[in-house]
């Protein structure tokens, strides 16, 4: 039983870390994409790398909507062609949808408190 609690606690911590990073990355993307002019290609590619990582985490935690949004954002942000400028409005829409999906994630259901041995 104790091993099961340890696994649940580890999952809970990993999930909490993923959600925290997700929200920070969404805020960064909003700042980069919504403030000022269209960002340079290198900055877009760096954001694309973040969404690639988020896509993997979302897949692991079976957050399907976030997975699909992160996949689309990754593709747009890694696009080096001039057509990426045409996609800029779509990227903003996807970021807003991702922000809503992230806000809808429920709190982690497991306690971070350790049970005492023999309990």
PDB file of N, CA and C in Angstrom:
ATOM      1  N   UNK A   1       0.826  -1.195   0.000  1.00  0.00           N
ATOM      2  CA  UNK A   1       0.000   0.000   0.000  1.00  0.00           C
ATOM      3  C   UNK A   1       0.870   1.258   0.000  1.00  0.00           C
ATOM      4  N   UNK A   2       1.993   1.218   0.749  1.00  0.00           N
ATOM      5  CA  UNK A   2       2.871   2.379   0.836  1.00  0.00           C
ATOM      6  C   UNK A   2       3.484   2.691  -0.533  1.00  0.00           C
ATOM      7  N   UNK A   3       3.852   1.653  -1.282  1.00  0.00           N
ATOM      8  CA  UNK A   3       4.422   1.857  -2.618  1.00  0.00           C
ATOM      9  C   UNK A   3       3.413   2.548  -3.535  1.00  0.00           C
ATOM     10  N   UNK A   4       2.156   2.162  -3.424  1.00  0.00           N
ATOM     11  CA  UNK A   4       1.102   2.788  -4.229  1.00  0.00           C
ATOM     12  C   UNK A   4       0.992   4.283  -3.901  1.00  0.00           C
ATOM     13  N   UNK A   5       1.079   4.619  -2.622  1.00  0.00           N
ATOM     14  CA  UNK A   5       1.027   6.026  -2.213  1.00  0.00           C
ATOM     15  C   UNK A   5       2.226   6.801  -2.732  1.00  0.00           C
ATOM     16  N   UNK A   6       3.404   6.152  -2.751  1.00  0.00           N
ATOM     17  CA  UNK A   6       4.603   6.814  -3.261  1.00  0.00           C
ATOM     18  C   UNK A   6       4.464   7.091  -4.755  1.00  0.00           C
ATOM     19  N   UNK A   7       3.922   6.137  -5.490  1.00  0.00           N
ATOM     20  CA  UNK A   7       3.704   6.328  -6.925  1.00  0.00           C
ATOM     21  C   UNK A   7       2.700   7.447  -7.153  1.00  0.00           C
ATOM     22  N   UNK A   8       1.617   7.430  -6.390  1.00  0.00           N
ATOM     23  CA  UNK A   8       0.598   8.476  -6.523  1.00  0.00           C
ATOM     24  C   UNK A   8       1.182   9.840  -6.189  1.00  0.00           C
ATOM     25  N   UNK A   9       2.020   9.901  -5.173  1.00  0.00           N
ATOM     26  CA  UNK A   9       2.641  11.166  -4.788  1.00  0.00           C
ATOM     27  C   UNK A   9       3.587  11.655  -5.881  1.00  0.00           C
ATOM     28  N   UNK A  10       4.362  10.742  -6.456  1.00  0.00           N
ATOM     29  CA  UNK A  10       5.265  11.110  -7.549  1.00  0.00           C
ATOM     30  C   UNK A  10       4.502  11.593  -8.763  1.00  0.00           C
ATOM     31  N   UNK A  11       3.416  10.914  -9.089  1.00  0.00           N
ATOM     32  CA  UNK A  11       2.572  11.327 -10.209  1.00  0.00           C
ATOM     33  C   UNK A  11       1.987  12.705  -9.944  1.00  0.00           C
ATOM     34  N   UNK A  12       1.528  12.901  -8.717  1.00  0.00           N
ATOM     35  CA  UNK A  12       0.929  14.173  -8.328  1.00  0.00           C
ATOM     36  C   UNK A  12       1.928  15.315  -8.481  1.00  0.00           C
ATOM     37  N   UNK A  13       3.148  15.103  -8.028  1.00  0.00           N
ATOM     38  CA  UNK A  13       4.176  16.141  -8.132  1.00  0.00           C
ATOM     39  C   UNK A  13       4.521  16.422  -9.592  1.00  0.00           C
ATOM     40  N   UNK A  14       4.662  15.371 -10.391  1.00  0.00           N
ATOM     41  CA  UNK A  14       4.975  15.547 -11.810  1.00  0.00           C
ATOM     42  C   UNK A  14       3.850  16.291 -12.521  1.00  0.00           C
ATOM     43  N   UNK A  15       2.621  15.940 -12.196  1.00  0.00           N
ATOM     44  CA  UNK A  15       1.473  16.600 -12.809  1.00  0.00           C
ATOM     45  C   UNK A  15       1.433  18.072 -12.411  1.00  0.00           C
ATOM     46  N   UNK A  16       1.651  18.340 -11.133  1.00  0.00           N
ATOM     47  CA  UNK A  16       1.665  19.723 -10.655  1.00  0.00           C
ATOM     48  C   UNK A  16       2.754  20.545 -11.328  1.00  0.00           C
ATOM     49  N   UNK A  17       3.930  19.951 -11.502  1.00  0.00           N
ATOM     50  CA  UNK A  17       5.030  20.633 -12.186  1.00  0.00           C
ATOM     51  C   UNK A  17       4.666  20.903 -13.642  1.00  0.00           C
ATOM     52  N   UNK A  18       4.061  19.912 -14.298  1.00  0.00           N
ATOM     53  CA  UNK A  18       3.647  20.093 -15.689  1.00  0.00           C
ATOM     54  C   UNK A  18       2.654  21.242 -15.818  1.00  0.00           C
ATOM     55  N   UNK A  19       1.657  21.278 -14.950  1.00  0.00           N
ATOM     56  CA  UNK A  19       0.637  22.333 -15.013  1.00  0.00           C
ATOM     57  C   UNK A  19       1.268  23.703 -14.767  1.00  0.00           C
ATOM     58  N   UNK A  20       2.189  23.778 -13.819  1.00  0.00           N
ATOM     59  CA  UNK A  20       2.874  25.054 -13.554  1.00  0.00           C
ATOM     60  C   UNK A  20       3.654  25.526 -14.774  1.00  0.00           C
ATOM     61  N   UNK A  21       4.406  24.613 -15.394  1.00  0.00           N
ATOM     62  CA  UNK A  21       5.177  24.965 -16.588  1.00  0.00           C
ATOM     63  C   UNK A  21       4.259  25.343 -17.740  1.00  0.00           C
ATOM     64  N   UNK A  22       3.158  24.631 -17.876  1.00  0.00           N
ATOM     65  CA  UNK A  22       2.194  24.936 -18.926  1.00  0.00           C
ATOM     66  C   UNK A  22       1.711  26.374 -18.799  1.00  0.00           C
ATOM     67  N   UNK A  23       1.306  26.739 -17.606  1.00  0.00           N
ATOM     68  CA  UNK A  23       0.773  28.090 -17.396  1.00  0.00           C
ATOM     69  C   UNK A  23       1.839  29.161 -17.622  1.00  0.00           C
ATOM     70  N   UNK A  24       3.077  28.902 -17.185  1.00  0.00           N
ATOM     71  CA  UNK A  24       4.165  29.859 -17.422  1.00  0.00           C
ATOM     72  C   UNK A  24       4.479  29.996 -18.912  1.00  0.00           C
ATOM     73  N   UNK A  25       4.493  28.864 -19.620  1.00  0.00           N
ATOM     74  CA  UNK A  25       4.786  28.905 -21.054  1.00  0.00           C
ATOM     75  C   UNK A  25       3.677  29.603 -21.837  1.00  0.00           C
ATOM     76  N   UNK A  26       2.440  29.427 -21.418  1.00  0.00           N
ATOM     77  CA  UNK A  26       1.325  30.125 -22.070  1.00  0.00           C
ATOM     78  C   UNK A  26       1.463  31.631 -21.845  1.00  0.00           C
ATOM     79  N   UNK A  27       1.814  32.016 -20.622  1.00  0.00           N
ATOM     80  CA  UNK A  27       2.010  33.446 -20.339  1.00  0.00           C
ATOM     81  C   UNK A  27       3.143  34.027 -21.186  1.00  0.00           C
ATOM     82  N   UNK A  28       4.235  33.278 -21.315  1.00  0.00           N
ATOM     83  CA  UNK A  28       5.355  33.755 -22.131  1.00  0.00           C
ATOM     84  C   UNK A  28       4.942  33.888 -23.594  1.00  0.00           C
ATOM     85  N   UNK A  29       4.221  32.897 -24.097  1.00  0.00           N
ATOM     86  CA  UNK A  29       3.771  32.949 -25.490  1.00  0.00           C
ATOM     87  C   UNK A  29       2.832  34.128 -25.709  1.00  0.00           C
ATOM     88  N   UNK A  30       1.959  34.388 -24.756  1.00  0.00           N
ATOM     89  CA  UNK A  30       1.063  35.544 -24.875  1.00  0.00           C
ATOM     90  C   UNK A  30       1.861  36.839 -24.928  1.00  0.00           C
ATOM     91  N   UNK A  31       2.849  36.947 -24.057  1.00  0.00           N
ATOM     92  CA  UNK A  31       3.679  38.152 -24.028  1.00  0.00           C
ATOM     93  C   UNK A  31       4.399  38.336 -25.368  1.00  0.00           C
ATOM     94  N   UNK A  32       4.987  37.270 -25.872  1.00  0.00           N
ATOM     95  CA  UNK A  32       5.754  37.345 -27.119  1.00  0.00           C
ATOM     96  C   UNK A  32       4.850  37.604 -28.317  1.00  0.00           C
ATOM     97  N   UNK A  33       3.713  36.918 -28.370  1.00  0.00           N
ATOM     98  CA  UNK A  33       2.860  36.997 -29.556  1.00  0.00           C
ATOM     99  C   UNK A  33       1.876  38.158 -29.530  1.00  0.00           C
ATOM    100  N   UNK A  34       1.495  38.619 -28.343  1.00  0.00           N
ATOM    101  CA  UNK A  34       0.467  39.656 -28.262  1.00  0.00           C
ATOM    102  C   UNK A  34       1.031  41.055 -28.096  1.00  0.00           C
ATOM    103  N   UNK A  35       2.247  41.163 -27.596  1.00  0.00           N
ATOM    104  CA  UNK A  35       2.829  42.481 -27.356  1.00  0.00           C
ATOM    105  C   UNK A  35       3.803  42.818 -28.480  1.00  0.00           C
ATOM    106  N   UNK A  36       3.586  43.928 -29.113  1.00  0.00           N
ATOM    107  CA  UNK A  36       4.515  44.379 -30.140  1.00  0.00           C
ATOM    108  C   UNK A  36       4.298  43.717 -31.487  1.00  0.00           C
ATOM    109  N   UNK A  37       5.370  43.706 -32.254  1.00  0.00           N
ATOM    110  CA  UNK A  37       5.310  43.186 -33.618  1.00  0.00           C
ATOM    111  C   UNK A  37       5.498  41.676 -33.629  1.00  0.00           C
ATOM    112  N   UNK A  38       5.365  41.111 -34.811  1.00  0.00           N
ATOM    113  CA  UNK A  38       5.559  39.672 -34.974  1.00  0.00           C
ATOM    114  C   UNK A  38       7.007  39.342 -34.616  1.00  0.00           C
ATOM    115  N   UNK A  39       7.229  38.356 -33.743  1.00  0.00           N
ATOM    116  CA  UNK A  39       8.585  38.045 -33.282  1.00  0.00           C
ATOM    117  C   UNK A  39       9.464  37.439 -34.382  1.00  0.00           C
ATOM    118  N   UNK A  40      10.763  37.523 -34.167  1.00  0.00           N
ATOM    119  CA  UNK A  40      11.738  36.951 -35.093  1.00  0.00           C
ATOM    120  C   UNK A  40      11.607  35.431 -35.132  1.00  0.00           C
ATOM    121  N   UNK A  41      12.128  34.848 -36.212  1.00  0.00           N
ATOM    122  CA  UNK A  41      12.033  33.401 -36.414  1.00  0.00           C
ATOM    123  C   UNK A  41      12.685  32.628 -35.267  1.00  0.00           C
ATOM    124  N   UNK A  42      13.857  33.070 -34.797  1.00  0.00           N
ATOM    125  CA  UNK A  42      14.546  32.340 -33.722  1.00  0.00           C
ATOM    126  C   UNK A  42      13.709  32.280 -32.443  1.00  0.00           C
ATOM    127  N   UNK A  43      13.046  33.371 -32.119  1.00  0.00           N
ATOM    128  CA  UNK A  43      12.196  33.395 -30.933  1.00  0.00           C
ATOM    129  C   UNK A  43      10.987  32.481 -31.126  1.00  0.00           C
ATOM    130  N   UNK A  44      10.434  32.486 -32.318  1.00  0.00           N
ATOM    131  CA  UNK A  44       9.300  31.590 -32.612  1.00  0.00           C
ATOM    132  C   UNK A  44       9.727  30.129 -32.502  1.00  0.00           C
ATOM    133  N   UNK A  45      10.909  29.801 -33.011  1.00  0.00           N
ATOM    134  CA  UNK A  45      11.399  28.424 -32.928  1.00  0.00           C
ATOM    135  C   UNK A  45      11.621  28.008 -31.474  1.00  0.00           C
ATOM    136  N   UNK A  46      12.129  28.923 -30.646  1.00  0.00           N
ATOM    137  CA  UNK A  46      12.331  28.612 -29.228  1.00  0.00           C
ATOM    138  C   UNK A  46      10.989  28.344 -28.544  1.00  0.00           C
ATOM    139  N   UNK A  47       9.981  29.144 -28.878  1.00  0.00           N
ATOM    140  CA  UNK A  47       8.637  28.884 -28.340  1.00  0.00           C
ATOM    141  C   UNK A  47       8.100  27.557 -28.869  1.00  0.00           C
ATOM    142  N   UNK A  48       8.383  27.261 -30.135  1.00  0.00           N
ATOM    143  CA  UNK A  48       7.973  25.980 -30.716  1.00  0.00           C
ATOM    144  C   UNK A  48       8.553  24.808 -29.945  1.00  0.00           C
ATOM    145  N   UNK A  49       9.813  24.951 -29.513  1.00  0.00           N
ATOM    146  CA  UNK A  49      10.448  23.902 -28.707  1.00  0.00           C
ATOM    147  C   UNK A  49       9.714  23.713 -27.377  1.00  0.00           C
ATOM    148  N   UNK A  50       9.282  24.812 -26.774  1.00  0.00           N
ATOM    149  CA  UNK A  50       8.530  24.714 -25.511  1.00  0.00           C
ATOM    150  C   UNK A  50       7.209  23.986 -25.729  1.00  0.00           C
ATOM    151  N   UNK A  51       6.541  24.293 -26.841  1.00  0.00           N
ATOM    152  CA  UNK A  51       5.266  23.634 -27.095  1.00  0.00           C
ATOM    153  C   UNK A  51       5.457  22.173 -27.477  1.00  0.00           C
ATOM    154  N   UNK A  52       6.617  21.830 -28.029  1.00  0.00           N
ATOM    155  CA  UNK A  52       6.926  20.425 -28.293  1.00  0.00           C
ATOM    156  C   UNK A  52       6.994  19.670 -26.962  1.00  0.00           C
ATOM    157  N   UNK A  53       7.673  20.266 -25.981  1.00  0.00           N
ATOM    158  CA  UNK A  53       7.786  19.658 -24.651  1.00  0.00           C
ATOM    159  C   UNK A  53       6.410  19.561 -23.986  1.00  0.00           C
ATOM    160  N   UNK A  54       5.625  20.620 -24.096  1.00  0.00           N
ATOM    161  CA  UNK A  54       4.275  20.600 -23.518  1.00  0.00           C
ATOM    162  C   UNK A  54       3.399  19.552 -24.193  1.00  0.00           C
ATOM    163  N   UNK A  55       3.575  19.397 -25.489  1.00  0.00           N
ATOM    164  CA  UNK A  55       2.813  18.378 -26.225  1.00  0.00           C
ATOM    165  C   UNK A  55       3.110  16.993 -25.655  1.00  0.00           C
ATOM    166  N   UNK A  56       4.388  16.711 -25.389  1.00  0.00           N
ATOM    167  CA  UNK A  56       4.767  15.421 -24.817  1.00  0.00           C
ATOM    168  C   UNK A  56       4.174  15.208 -23.433  1.00  0.00           C
ATOM    169  N   UNK A  57       4.243  16.234 -22.593  1.00  0.00           N
ATOM    170  CA  UNK A  57       3.661  16.130 -21.250  1.00  0.00           C
ATOM    171  C   UNK A  57       2.159  15.954 -21.298  1.00  0.00           C
ATOM    172  N   UNK A  58       1.513  16.693 -22.180  1.00  0.00           N
ATOM    173  CA  UNK A  58       0.054  16.582 -22.309  1.00  0.00           C
ATOM    174  C   UNK A  58      -0.335  15.184 -22.779  1.00  0.00           C
ATOM    175  N   UNK A  59       0.456  14.618 -23.683  1.00  0.00           N
ATOM    176  CA  UNK A  59       0.192  13.252 -24.133  1.00  0.00           C
ATOM    177  C   UNK A  59       0.344  12.257 -22.993  1.00  0.00           C
ATOM    178  N   UNK A  60       1.400  12.423 -22.202  1.00  0.00           N
ATOM    179  CA  UNK A  60       1.644  11.531 -21.071  1.00  0.00           C
ATOM    180  C   UNK A  60       0.499  11.579 -20.069  1.00  0.00           C
ATOM    181  N   UNK A  61       0.031  12.787 -19.767  1.00  0.00           N
ATOM    182  CA  UNK A  61      -1.040  12.947 -18.783  1.00  0.00           C
ATOM    183  C   UNK A  61      -2.433  12.829 -19.405  1.00  0.00           C
ATOM    184  N   UNK A  62      -2.496  12.497 -20.671  1.00  0.00           N
ATOM    185  CA  UNK A  62      -3.750  12.292 -21.407  1.00  0.00           C
ATOM    186  C   UNK A  62      -4.645  13.527 -21.390  1.00  0.00           C
ATOM    187  N   UNK A  63      -4.022  14.684 -21.565  1.00  0.00           N
ATOM    188  CA  UNK A  63      -4.746  15.949 -21.691  1.00  0.00           C
ATOM    189  C   UNK A  63      -4.878  16.221 -23.188  1.00  0.00           C
ATOM    190  N   UNK A  64      -5.861  15.589 -23.794  1.00  0.00           N
ATOM    191  CA  UNK A  64      -5.969  15.538 -25.250  1.00  0.00           C
ATOM    192  C   UNK A  64      -6.127  16.912 -25.902  1.00  0.00           C
ATOM    193  N   UNK A  65      -6.947  17.764 -25.344  1.00  0.00           N
ATOM    194  CA  UNK A  65      -7.146  19.087 -25.940  1.00  0.00           C
ATOM    195  C   UNK A  65      -5.838  19.883 -25.921  1.00  0.00           C
ATOM    196  N   UNK A  66      -5.149  19.841 -24.796  1.00  0.00           N
ATOM    197  CA  UNK A  66      -3.880  20.556 -24.677  1.00  0.00           C
ATOM    198  C   UNK A  66      -2.849  19.952 -25.630  1.00  0.00           C
ATOM    199  N   UNK A  67      -2.837  18.642 -25.765  1.00  0.00           N
ATOM    200  CA  UNK A  67      -1.935  17.974 -26.706  1.00  0.00           C
ATOM    201  C   UNK A  67      -2.141  18.511 -28.121  1.00  0.00           C
ATOM    202  N   UNK A  68      -3.386  18.545 -28.572  1.00  0.00           N
ATOM    203  CA  UNK A  68      -3.674  18.984 -29.944  1.00  0.00           C
ATOM    204  C   UNK A  68      -3.352  20.464 -30.150  1.00  0.00           C
ATOM    205  N   UNK A  69      -3.671  21.296 -29.176  1.00  0.00           N
ATOM    206  CA  UNK A  69      -3.359  22.726 -29.287  1.00  0.00           C
ATOM    207  C   UNK A  69      -1.850  22.947 -29.311  1.00  0.00           C
ATOM    208  N   UNK A  70      -1.122  22.254 -28.441  1.00  0.00           N
ATOM    209  CA  UNK A  70       0.337  22.391 -28.401  1.00  0.00           C
ATOM    210  C   UNK A  70       0.960  21.903 -29.708  1.00  0.00           C
ATOM    211  N   UNK A  71       0.415  20.836 -30.282  1.00  0.00           N
ATOM    212  CA  UNK A  71       0.929  20.320 -31.558  1.00  0.00           C
ATOM    213  C   UNK A  71       0.754  21.352 -32.666  1.00  0.00           C
ATOM    214  N   UNK A  72      -0.413  21.980 -32.726  1.00  0.00           N
ATOM    215  CA  UNK A  72      -0.648  23.000 -33.751  1.00  0.00           C
ATOM    216  C   UNK A  72       0.256  24.209 -33.553  1.00  0.00           C
ATOM    217  N   UNK A  73       0.383  24.651 -32.309  1.00  0.00           N
ATOM    218  CA  UNK A  73       1.249  25.797 -32.026  1.00  0.00           C
ATOM    219  C   UNK A  73       2.703  25.483 -32.355  1.00  0.00           C
ATOM    220  N   UNK A  74       3.141  24.294 -32.026  1.00  0.00           N
ATOM    221  CA  UNK A  74       4.515  23.895 -32.347  1.00  0.00           C
ATOM    222  C   UNK A  74       4.760  23.992 -33.853  1.00  0.00           C
ATOM    223  N   UNK A  75       3.830  23.480 -34.634  1.00  0.00           N
ATOM    224  CA  UNK A  75       3.987  23.512 -36.094  1.00  0.00           C
ATOM    225  C   UNK A  75       4.041  24.945 -36.615  1.00  0.00           C
ATOM    226  N   UNK A  76       3.147  25.795 -36.144  1.00  0.00           N
ATOM    227  CA  UNK A  76       3.149  27.197 -36.583  1.00  0.00           C
ATOM    228  C   UNK A  76       4.448  27.896 -36.188  1.00  0.00           C
ATOM    229  N   UNK A  77       4.876  27.682 -34.963  1.00  0.00           N
ATOM    230  CA  UNK A  77       6.034  28.407 -34.448  1.00  0.00           C
ATOM    231  C   UNK A  77       7.352  27.933 -35.045  1.00  0.00           C
ATOM    232  N   UNK A  78       7.404  26.714 -35.500  1.00  0.00           N
ATOM    233  CA  UNK A  78       8.631  26.200 -36.120  1.00  0.00           C
ATOM    234  C   UNK A  78       8.669  26.451 -37.627  1.00  0.00           C
ATOM    235  N   UNK A  79       7.604  26.980 -38.168  1.00  0.00           N
ATOM    236  CA  UNK A  79       7.527  27.266 -39.608  1.00  0.00           C
ATOM    237  C   UNK A  79       8.416  28.467 -39.927  1.00  0.00           C
ATOM    238  N   UNK A  80       9.430  28.253 -40.762  1.00  0.00           N
ATOM    239  CA  UNK A  80      10.359  29.331 -41.107  1.00  0.00           C
ATOM    240  C   UNK A  80       9.960  30.067 -42.378  1.00  0.00           C
ATOM    241  N   UNK A  81       8.923  29.624 -43.036  1.00  0.00           N
ATOM    242  CA  UNK A  81       8.530  30.256 -44.293  1.00  0.00           C
ATOM    243  C   UNK A  81       7.795  31.567 -44.032  1.00  0.00           C
ATOM    244  N   UNK A  82       7.646  32.327 -45.063  1.00  0.00           N
ATOM    245  CA  UNK A  82       6.925  33.596 -44.942  1.00  0.00           C
ATOM    246  C   UNK A  82       5.436  33.371 -44.652  1.00  0.00           C
ATOM    247  N   UNK A  83       4.937  32.179 -44.923  1.00  0.00           N
ATOM    248  CA  UNK A  83       3.517  31.901 -44.671  1.00  0.00           C
ATOM    249  C   UNK A  83       3.195  31.939 -43.179  1.00  0.00           C
ATOM    250  N   UNK A  84       4.230  31.884 -42.326  1.00  0.00           N
ATOM    251  CA  UNK A  84       3.971  31.951 -40.883  1.00  0.00           C
ATOM    252  C   UNK A  84       3.312  33.273 -40.512  1.00  0.00           C
ATOM    253  N   UNK A  85       3.571  34.305 -41.291  1.00  0.00           N
ATOM    254  CA  UNK A  85       2.943  35.597 -41.024  1.00  0.00           C
ATOM    255  C   UNK A  85       1.434  35.513 -41.213  1.00  0.00           C
ATOM    256  N   UNK A  86       1.005  34.703 -42.176  1.00  0.00           N
ATOM    257  CA  UNK A  86      -0.427  34.509 -42.399  1.00  0.00           C
ATOM    258  C   UNK A  86      -1.067  33.746 -41.243  1.00  0.00           C
ATOM    259  N   UNK A  87      -0.274  32.967 -40.542  1.00  0.00           N
ATOM    260  CA  UNK A  87      -0.770  32.126 -39.454  1.00  0.00           C
ATOM    261  C   UNK A  87      -0.766  32.838 -38.111  1.00  0.00           C
ATOM    262  N   UNK A  88      -0.282  34.067 -38.076  1.00  0.00           N
ATOM    263  CA  UNK A  88      -0.110  34.775 -36.808  1.00  0.00           C
ATOM    264  C   UNK A  88      -1.424  34.918 -36.044  1.00  0.00           C
ATOM    265  N   UNK A  89      -2.493  35.249 -36.739  1.00  0.00           N
ATOM    266  CA  UNK A  89      -3.802  35.389 -36.095  1.00  0.00           C
ATOM    267  C   UNK A  89      -4.271  34.048 -35.519  1.00  0.00           C
ATOM    268  N   UNK A  90      -4.034  32.987 -36.279  1.00  0.00           N
ATOM    269  CA  UNK A  90      -4.409  31.647 -35.819  1.00  0.00           C
ATOM    270  C   UNK A  90      -3.626  31.267 -34.563  1.00  0.00           C
ATOM    271  N   UNK A  91      -2.347  31.644 -34.510  1.00  0.00           N
ATOM    272  CA  UNK A  91      -1.543  31.350 -33.319  1.00  0.00           C
ATOM    273  C   UNK A  91      -2.137  32.027 -32.087  1.00  0.00           C
ATOM    274  N   UNK A  92      -2.569  33.259 -32.239  1.00  0.00           N
ATOM    275  CA  UNK A  92      -3.182  33.972 -31.114  1.00  0.00           C
ATOM    276  C   UNK A  92      -4.448  33.260 -30.645  1.00  0.00           C
ATOM    277  N   UNK A  93      -5.246  32.794 -31.592  1.00  0.00           N
ATOM    278  CA  UNK A  93      -6.468  32.059 -31.255  1.00  0.00           C
ATOM    279  C   UNK A  93      -6.133  30.773 -30.501  1.00  0.00           C
ATOM    280  N   UNK A  94      -5.105  30.065 -30.962  1.00  0.00           N
ATOM    281  CA  UNK A  94      -4.701  28.821 -30.308  1.00  0.00           C
ATOM    282  C   UNK A  94      -4.170  29.074 -28.897  1.00  0.00           C
ATOM    283  N   UNK A  95      -3.412  30.152 -28.725  1.00  0.00           N
ATOM    284  CA  UNK A  95      -2.888  30.488 -27.398  1.00  0.00           C
ATOM    285  C   UNK A  95      -4.044  30.770 -26.435  1.00  0.00           C
ATOM    286  N   UNK A  96      -5.044  31.504 -26.897  1.00  0.00           N
ATOM    287  CA  UNK A  96      -6.217  31.789 -26.045  1.00  0.00           C
ATOM    288  C   UNK A  96      -6.941  30.497 -25.675  1.00  0.00           C
ATOM    289  N   UNK A  97      -7.093  29.593 -26.642  1.00  0.00           N
ATOM    290  CA  UNK A  97      -7.743  28.310 -26.369  1.00  0.00           C
ATOM    291  C   UNK A  97      -6.913  27.486 -25.389  1.00  0.00           C
ATOM    292  N   UNK A  98      -5.597  27.531 -25.535  1.00  0.00           N
ATOM    293  CA  UNK A  98      -4.721  26.794 -24.629  1.00  0.00           C
ATOM    294  C   UNK A  98      -4.790  27.361 -23.213  1.00  0.00           C
ATOM    295  N   UNK A  99      -4.878  28.670 -23.107  1.00  0.00           N
ATOM    296  CA  UNK A  99      -5.006  29.304 -21.792  1.00  0.00           C
ATOM    297  C   UNK A  99      -6.293  28.843 -21.101  1.00  0.00           C
ATOM    298  N   UNK A 100      -7.392  28.787 -21.843  1.00  0.00           N
ATOM    299  CA  UNK A 100      -8.665  28.327 -21.272  1.00  0.00           C
ATOM    300  C   UNK A 100      -8.585  26.861 -20.861  1.00  0.00           C
ATOM    301  N   UNK A 101      -7.963  26.040 -21.707  1.00  0.00           N
ATOM    302  CA  UNK A 101      -7.834  24.616 -21.391  1.00  0.00           C
ATOM    303  C   UNK A 101      -6.963  24.416 -20.151  1.00  0.00           C
ATOM    304  N   UNK A 102      -5.892  25.190 -20.035  1.00  0.00           N
ATOM    305  CA  UNK A 102      -5.010  25.086 -18.866  1.00  0.00           C
ATOM    306  C   UNK A 102      -5.740  25.509 -17.597  1.00  0.00           C
ATOM    307  N   UNK A 103      -6.550  26.547 -17.696  1.00  0.00           N
ATOM    308  CA  UNK A 103      -7.301  27.023 -16.530  1.00  0.00           C
ATOM    309  C   UNK A 103      -8.347  26.003 -16.083  1.00  0.00           C
ATOM    310  N   UNK A 104      -8.790  25.152 -16.996  1.00  0.00           N
ATOM    311  CA  UNK A 104      -9.823  24.166 -16.678  1.00  0.00           C
ATOM    312  C   UNK A 104      -9.260  22.892 -16.050  1.00  0.00           C
ATOM    313  N   UNK A 105      -7.936  22.771 -15.981  1.00  0.00           N
ATOM    314  CA  UNK A 105      -7.346  21.572 -15.382  1.00  0.00           C
ATOM    315  C   UNK A 105      -7.640  21.588 -13.887  1.00  0.00           C
ATOM    316  N   UNK A 106      -8.206  20.498 -13.368  1.00  0.00           N
ATOM    317  CA  UNK A 106      -8.528  20.459 -11.939  1.00  0.00           C
ATOM    318  C   UNK A 106      -7.264  20.390 -11.090  1.00  0.00           C
ATOM    319  N   UNK A 107      -7.405  20.749  -9.847  1.00  0.00           N
ATOM    320  CA  UNK A 107      -6.285  20.659  -8.910  1.00  0.00           C
ATOM    321  C   UNK A 107      -5.838  19.206  -8.802  1.00  0.00           C
ATOM    322  N   UNK A 108      -4.594  19.018  -8.425  1.00  0.00           N
ATOM    323  CA  UNK A 108      -4.037  17.681  -8.270  1.00  0.00           C
ATOM    324  C   UNK A 108      -4.788  16.960  -7.154  1.00  0.00           C
ATOM    325  N   UNK A 109      -5.311  15.745  -7.435  1.00  0.00           N
ATOM    326  CA  UNK A 109      -6.154  15.060  -6.454  1.00  0.00           C
ATOM    327  C   UNK A 109      -5.403  14.407  -5.309  1.00  0.00           C
ATOM    328  N   UNK A 110      -4.075  14.298  -5.395  1.00  0.00           N
ATOM    329  CA  UNK A 110      -3.329  13.597  -4.357  1.00  0.00           C
ATOM    330  C   UNK A 110      -2.711  14.583  -3.387  1.00  0.00           C
ATOM    331  N   UNK A 111      -2.580  14.157  -2.154  1.00  0.00           N
ATOM    332  CA  UNK A 111      -1.941  14.983  -1.130  1.00  0.00           C
ATOM    333  C   UNK A 111      -0.431  14.857  -1.255  1.00  0.00           C
ATOM    334  N   UNK A 112       0.279  15.929  -0.969  1.00  0.00           N
ATOM    335  CA  UNK A 112       1.736  15.880  -0.985  1.00  0.00           C
ATOM    336  C   UNK A 112       2.291  15.452   0.366  1.00  0.00           C
ATOM    337  N   UNK A 113       1.436  15.300   1.351  1.00  0.00           N
ATOM    338  CA  UNK A 113       1.884  14.872   2.670  1.00  0.00           C
ATOM    339  C   UNK A 113       2.276  13.407   2.623  1.00  0.00           C
ATOM    340  N   UNK A 114       3.352  13.081   3.336  1.00  0.00           N
ATOM    341  CA  UNK A 114       3.786  11.692   3.411  1.00  0.00           C
ATOM    342  C   UNK A 114       3.053  11.018   4.561  1.00  0.00           C
ATOM    343  N   UNK A 115       2.651   9.786   4.306  1.00  0.00           N
ATOM    344  CA  UNK A 115       2.033   9.025   5.387  1.00  0.00           C
ATOM    345  C   UNK A 115       3.141   8.471   6.261  1.00  0.00           C
ATOM    346  N   UNK A 116       2.882   8.384   7.530  1.00  0.00           N
ATOM    347  CA  UNK A 116       3.890   7.831   8.427  1.00  0.00           C
ATOM    348  C   UNK A 116       3.964   6.323   8.231  1.00  0.00           C
ATOM    349  N   UNK A 117       5.173   5.751   8.322  1.00  0.00           N
ATOM    350  CA  UNK A 117       5.299   4.296   8.174  1.00  0.00           C
ATOM    351  C   UNK A 117       4.457   3.585   9.223  1.00  0.00           C
ATOM    352  N   UNK A 118       3.836   2.539   8.821  1.00  0.00           N
ATOM    353  CA  UNK A 118       3.002   1.768   9.720  1.00  0.00           C
ATOM    354  C   UNK A 118       1.589   2.291   9.833  1.00  0.00           C
ATOM    355  N   UNK A 119       1.267   3.336   9.079  1.00  0.00           N
ATOM    356  CA  UNK A 119      -0.086   3.900   9.142  1.00  0.00           C
ATOM    357  C   UNK A 119      -1.030   3.082   8.314  1.00  0.00           C
TER     358      UNK A 119
END
